């Protein structure tokens, strides 16, 4: 009904017109100053204890608020700490927020068993995340990498910054780094070059025996040119392609060590360069 009868006790969420400094465990008295009934004007109408000074935002979240609010009423700091970490989700929670929201001062001690059970992961010094969110983020990161390879078949890989940027915006930066580090450790992502780009196993590398049509045509021009290889302009004219495309093809062949770059405009086929 949205009403609490006189003398009843319950979990209530207040929406304030202006910010108010509160903390977990703080006692408060609630007084009415704008009640239409003049008889209650300025009277004490209730009181209680703050159990969640930083409730989660969002619409249609009543079941979540009730669940978390009840967990934060628990006398056990371990229960309150774990509830706060789980509710923070991919945004993670730091020591200061945990103390303010759940009244947990000794975080490591309170979450000791959760650490042992693998329920909580420390992604940076004093920053924790619910371990259950990690697998989903790992799948998303790998899916983004796969999509990148499909869209950019000639690129050695996607930059770590770009891949981290594809993960949810609320995701804590340290969690993003942890996700990719775990994928690299398991071999699901590989370091593609010295520029820090990442690639899926078997992707981002050219097969000399099965080059895409455009690359094979470019390589043939360099091989046929021998000691007098074509310039970038020559390749553009021969293939009727623009500068950007030719440069991308040339860089791909250079990365695969099929042609050797000497200057911005001059490259040799591998055999010709060896002969020189």
Protein backbone atom coordinates (compact mmCIF):
# COMPACT_ATOMS: atom_id res chain seq x y z
CA UNK A 1 0.00 0.00 0.00
CA UNK A 2 2.99 2.31 0.45
CA UNK A 3 1.82 3.23 3.97
CA UNK A 4 3.29 2.22 7.30
CA UNK A 5 0.84 2.09 10.23
CA UNK A 6 1.66 3.72 13.56
CA UNK A 7 4.10 1.69 15.61
CA UNK A 8 5.20 -0.50 12.69
CA UNK A 9 8.83 -1.18 11.70
CA UNK A 10 10.03 -1.64 8.15
CA UNK A 11 12.53 -0.87 5.42
CA UNK A 12 11.95 2.58 3.89
CA UNK A 13 13.73 4.39 1.05
CA UNK A 14 13.81 8.18 1.30
CA UNK A 15 14.14 10.44 -1.73
CA UNK A 16 15.54 13.77 -0.59
CA UNK A 17 15.10 17.16 -2.22
CA UNK A 18 18.66 18.16 -1.24
CA UNK A 19 21.74 16.06 -0.43
CA UNK A 20 22.22 15.03 3.19
CA UNK A 21 25.36 13.69 4.83
CA UNK A 22 24.55 10.27 6.30
CA UNK A 23 26.47 7.07 6.98
CA UNK A 24 25.75 3.45 7.77
CA UNK A 25 24.45 2.90 11.29
CA UNK A 26 23.52 6.55 11.86
CA UNK A 27 20.37 7.05 13.96
CA UNK A 28 17.80 9.56 12.79
CA UNK A 29 14.49 11.16 13.76
CA UNK A 30 11.91 11.90 11.08
CA UNK A 31 9.73 14.98 11.49
CA UNK A 32 6.89 16.25 9.30
CA UNK A 33 6.92 19.89 8.22
CA UNK A 34 4.82 19.89 5.06
CA UNK A 35 1.98 17.58 5.98
CA UNK A 36 -1.45 18.73 4.79
CA UNK A 37 -2.80 17.94 8.23
CA UNK A 38 -1.95 20.96 10.37
CA UNK A 39 -2.15 18.86 13.53
CA UNK A 40 1.03 16.98 12.57
CA UNK A 41 2.98 20.03 11.42
CA UNK A 42 6.47 19.81 12.88
CA UNK A 43 5.75 16.64 14.83
CA UNK A 44 7.97 13.60 15.13
CA UNK A 45 6.47 10.88 12.96
CA UNK A 46 9.14 8.21 13.15
CA UNK A 47 12.79 7.31 13.52
CA UNK A 48 15.25 4.67 12.65
CA UNK A 49 18.76 3.68 11.59
CA UNK A 50 20.45 4.26 8.23
CA UNK A 51 21.21 0.89 6.61
CA UNK A 52 22.20 2.07 3.11
CA UNK A 53 23.37 5.67 2.64
CA UNK A 54 24.34 5.02 -1.01
CA UNK A 55 21.48 3.01 -2.52
CA UNK A 56 21.79 1.97 -6.16
CA UNK A 57 20.08 4.10 -8.81
CA UNK A 58 17.80 2.82 -11.55
CA UNK A 59 14.13 2.27 -12.22
CA UNK A 60 12.12 -0.82 -11.33
CA UNK A 61 14.74 -1.84 -8.79
CA UNK A 62 12.50 -2.28 -5.74
CA UNK A 63 13.23 -6.02 -5.25
CA UNK A 64 16.95 -5.33 -5.47
CA UNK A 65 16.77 -2.43 -3.00
CA UNK A 66 14.79 -4.51 -0.53
CA UNK A 67 17.21 -7.44 -0.79
CA UNK A 68 20.31 -5.30 -0.38
CA UNK A 69 18.71 -3.20 2.36
CA UNK A 70 17.91 -6.29 4.40
CA UNK A 71 21.45 -7.62 3.92
CA UNK A 72 22.90 -4.31 5.07
CA UNK A 73 20.81 -4.54 8.26
CA UNK A 74 22.76 -7.65 9.25
CA UNK A 75 25.02 -7.42 12.31
CA UNK A 76 27.74 -9.44 10.54
CA UNK A 77 30.14 -7.12 8.66
CA UNK A 78 30.99 -10.02 6.32
CA UNK A 79 27.36 -10.16 5.15
CA UNK A 80 27.22 -6.39 4.66
CA UNK A 81 30.56 -6.29 2.82
CA UNK A 82 29.62 -9.05 0.39
CA UNK A 83 26.22 -7.47 -0.25
CA UNK A 84 27.88 -4.15 -1.11
CA UNK A 85 30.41 -5.75 -3.44
CA UNK A 86 27.73 -7.69 -5.27
CA UNK A 87 25.45 -4.68 -5.60
CA UNK A 88 28.28 -2.55 -7.04
CA UNK A 89 28.59 -4.96 -9.97
CA UNK A 90 31.04 -4.01 -12.72
CA UNK A 91 31.58 -0.56 -11.17
CA UNK A 92 33.45 -2.31 -8.31
CA UNK A 93 33.69 -0.88 -4.81
CA UNK A 94 36.62 0.71 -3.03
CA UNK A 95 37.58 0.79 0.64
CA UNK A 96 36.16 4.25 1.32
CA UNK A 97 32.79 3.47 -0.25
CA UNK A 98 32.58 0.13 1.53
CA UNK A 99 33.17 1.81 4.88
CA UNK A 100 30.61 4.54 4.21
CA UNK A 101 27.94 2.31 2.74
CA UNK A 102 28.22 -0.78 4.91
CA UNK A 103 30.10 0.37 7.99
CA UNK A 104 32.87 -2.13 7.23
CA UNK A 105 36.19 -0.78 8.48
CA UNK A 106 38.38 -3.91 8.22
CA UNK A 107 37.47 -4.97 4.69
CA UNK A 108 40.10 -7.72 4.25
CA UNK A 109 39.09 -9.35 7.52
CA UNK A 110 35.38 -9.11 6.79
CA UNK A 111 35.75 -10.61 3.32
CA UNK A 112 38.40 -13.19 4.20
CA UNK A 113 36.12 -16.18 3.61
CA UNK A 114 34.69 -14.63 0.44
CA UNK A 115 38.25 -14.31 -0.90
CA UNK A 116 38.98 -17.95 -0.09
CA UNK A 117 35.77 -19.10 -1.78
CA UNK A 118 36.62 -17.02 -4.84
CA UNK A 119 33.48 -14.90 -4.51
CA UNK A 120 35.37 -11.59 -4.42
CA UNK A 121 38.38 -10.53 -6.50
CA UNK A 122 40.70 -7.60 -5.81
CA UNK A 123 41.28 -5.85 -9.16
CA UNK A 124 43.45 -3.08 -7.70
CA UNK A 125 44.75 -2.13 -4.28
CA UNK A 126 41.63 -1.68 -2.15
CA UNK A 127 39.21 -2.16 -5.07
CA UNK A 128 37.00 -5.26 -5.18
CA UNK A 129 34.52 -6.87 -7.55
CA UNK A 130 31.98 -9.65 -7.41
CA UNK A 131 33.70 -12.58 -9.15
CA UNK A 132 30.46 -13.66 -10.83
CA UNK A 133 30.53 -10.65 -13.21
CA UNK A 134 33.95 -11.54 -14.64
CA UNK A 135 33.00 -14.46 -16.96
CA UNK A 136 30.36 -12.36 -18.75
CA UNK A 137 32.81 -9.53 -19.33
CA UNK A 138 35.45 -11.98 -20.58
CA UNK A 139 32.96 -13.36 -23.13
CA UNK A 140 32.10 -9.83 -24.25
CA UNK A 141 35.78 -8.88 -24.68
CA UNK A 142 36.50 -11.98 -26.78
CA UNK A 143 33.37 -11.42 -28.86
CA UNK A 144 34.49 -7.85 -29.57
CA UNK A 145 37.94 -9.11 -30.59
CA UNK A 146 36.36 -11.67 -32.94
CA UNK A 147 34.16 -8.98 -34.49
CA UNK A 148 37.19 -6.74 -34.98
CA UNK A 149 39.10 -9.45 -36.86
CA UNK A 150 36.08 -10.04 -39.08
CA UNK A 151 35.82 -6.33 -39.90
CA UNK A 152 39.58 -5.74 -40.20
CA UNK A 153 41.06 -8.94 -41.64
CA UNK A 154 44.34 -7.22 -42.58
CA UNK A 155 44.97 -5.70 -39.16
CA UNK A 156 47.29 -7.56 -36.76
CA UNK A 157 44.89 -6.92 -33.89
CA UNK A 158 42.88 -4.48 -31.82
CA UNK A 159 44.52 -2.04 -29.44
CA UNK A 160 44.06 -2.77 -25.75
CA UNK A 161 42.61 0.70 -25.19
CA UNK A 162 39.99 0.16 -27.89
CA UNK A 163 39.08 -3.28 -26.58
CA UNK A 164 38.74 -1.94 -23.02
CA UNK A 165 36.59 0.87 -24.40
CA UNK A 166 34.13 -1.67 -25.83
CA UNK A 167 33.32 -2.97 -22.34
CA UNK A 168 30.43 -1.38 -20.38
CA UNK A 169 30.97 2.26 -19.45
CA UNK A 170 30.27 1.64 -15.75
CA UNK A 171 33.06 -0.92 -15.70
CA UNK A 172 35.94 0.10 -13.39
CA UNK A 173 39.18 0.68 -15.37
CA UNK A 174 41.08 -1.76 -13.16
CA UNK A 175 38.46 -4.44 -13.86
CA UNK A 176 38.82 -3.91 -17.62
CA UNK A 177 42.59 -4.40 -17.35
CA UNK A 178 42.08 -7.50 -15.20
CA UNK A 179 39.66 -9.02 -17.74
CA UNK A 180 42.17 -8.68 -20.59
CA UNK A 181 45.10 -9.82 -18.44
CA UNK A 182 43.24 -13.03 -17.56
CA UNK A 183 42.40 -13.65 -21.23
CA UNK A 184 46.07 -13.18 -22.17
CA UNK A 185 47.19 -15.47 -19.35
CA UNK A 186 44.89 -18.24 -20.62
CA UNK A 187 46.01 -17.73 -24.22
CA UNK A 188 42.59 -16.56 -25.40
CA UNK A 189 44.19 -13.27 -26.45
CA UNK A 190 47.72 -12.88 -27.80
CA UNK A 191 49.96 -9.83 -28.01
CA UNK A 192 50.06 -9.19 -31.74
CA UNK A 193 52.89 -6.66 -31.98
CA UNK A 194 55.15 -4.30 -30.06
CA UNK A 195 52.45 -1.60 -30.20
CA UNK A 196 50.34 -3.50 -27.68
CA UNK A 197 47.67 -4.72 -30.04
CA UNK A 198 45.83 -7.89 -29.10
CA UNK A 199 44.60 -10.71 -31.31
CA UNK A 200 42.70 -13.94 -31.01
CA UNK A 201 44.77 -17.11 -31.57
CA UNK A 202 45.26 -17.74 -35.29
CA UNK A 203 44.01 -14.29 -36.24
CA UNK A 204 45.81 -11.15 -37.34
CA UNK A 205 48.50 -13.11 -39.18
CA UNK A 206 48.71 -13.54 -42.94
CA UNK A 207 49.12 -16.96 -44.51
CA UNK A 208 51.67 -16.45 -47.35
CA UNK A 209 50.09 -19.34 -49.25
CA UNK A 210 46.54 -17.99 -49.00
CA UNK A 211 46.70 -14.23 -49.30
CA UNK A 212 43.53 -12.23 -50.02
CA UNK A 213 43.26 -11.25 -53.68
CA UNK A 214 44.33 -7.61 -53.28
CA UNK A 215 47.38 -8.52 -51.22
CA UNK A 216 48.45 -11.17 -53.69
CA UNK A 217 48.27 -8.65 -56.54
CA UNK A 218 50.34 -6.12 -54.55
CA UNK A 219 52.92 -8.77 -53.65
CA UNK A 220 53.16 -9.83 -57.30
CA UNK A 221 53.94 -6.23 -58.30
CA UNK A 222 56.83 -6.12 -55.85
CA UNK A 223 58.12 -9.55 -56.84
CA UNK A 224 57.97 -8.70 -60.54
CA UNK A 225 59.65 -5.36 -59.88
CA UNK A 226 62.70 -7.06 -58.44
CA UNK A 227 65.47 -4.51 -57.89
CA UNK A 228 63.29 -1.72 -59.35
CA UNK A 229 60.15 -2.09 -57.23
CA UNK A 230 57.02 0.01 -57.71
CA UNK A 231 56.32 3.14 -55.69
CA UNK A 232 53.10 3.56 -53.77
CA UNK A 233 51.81 5.65 -56.67
CA UNK A 234 52.69 2.87 -59.10
CA UNK A 235 50.71 0.38 -57.03
CA UNK A 236 47.76 2.78 -56.82
CA UNK A 237 47.70 3.15 -60.61
CA UNK A 238 48.15 -0.55 -61.29
CA UNK A 239 45.33 -1.59 -58.96
CA UNK A 240 43.18 1.51 -59.43
CA UNK A 241 43.10 1.92 -55.64
CA UNK A 242 43.36 4.93 -53.33
CA UNK A 243 46.36 5.81 -51.19
CA UNK A 244 44.82 4.66 -47.92
CA UNK A 245 44.04 1.17 -49.20
CA UNK A 246 47.48 0.69 -50.77
CA UNK A 247 49.25 1.81 -47.61
CA UNK A 248 47.19 -0.64 -45.55
CA UNK A 249 48.04 -3.50 -47.95
CA UNK A 250 51.72 -2.57 -47.95
CA UNK A 251 51.84 -2.45 -44.13
CA UNK A 252 50.17 -5.85 -43.95
CA UNK A 253 52.79 -7.35 -46.27
CA UNK A 254 55.57 -5.62 -44.32
CA UNK A 255 54.29 -7.03 -41.02
CA UNK A 256 54.22 -10.49 -42.61
CA UNK A 257 57.83 -9.87 -43.79
CA UNK A 258 56.84 -10.55 -47.40
CA UNK A 259 58.10 -7.14 -48.47
CA UNK A 260 60.71 -4.99 -46.74
CA UNK A 261 60.13 -1.28 -46.11
CA UNK A 262 63.08 1.03 -46.83
CA UNK A 263 61.32 4.41 -46.84
CA UNK A 264 57.71 5.59 -46.71
CA UNK A 265 57.47 5.20 -50.49
CA UNK A 266 59.98 2.44 -51.17
CA UNK A 267 59.74 -1.24 -50.37
CA UNK A 268 61.33 -4.34 -51.91
CA UNK A 269 60.15 -7.86 -52.28
CA UNK A 270 61.85 -10.08 -49.72
CA UNK A 271 64.02 -11.88 -52.29
CA UNK A 272 65.13 -8.65 -53.95
CA UNK A 273 65.99 -7.08 -50.60
CA UNK A 274 68.06 -10.14 -49.67
CA UNK A 275 69.88 -9.92 -52.99
CA UNK A 276 70.68 -6.24 -52.40
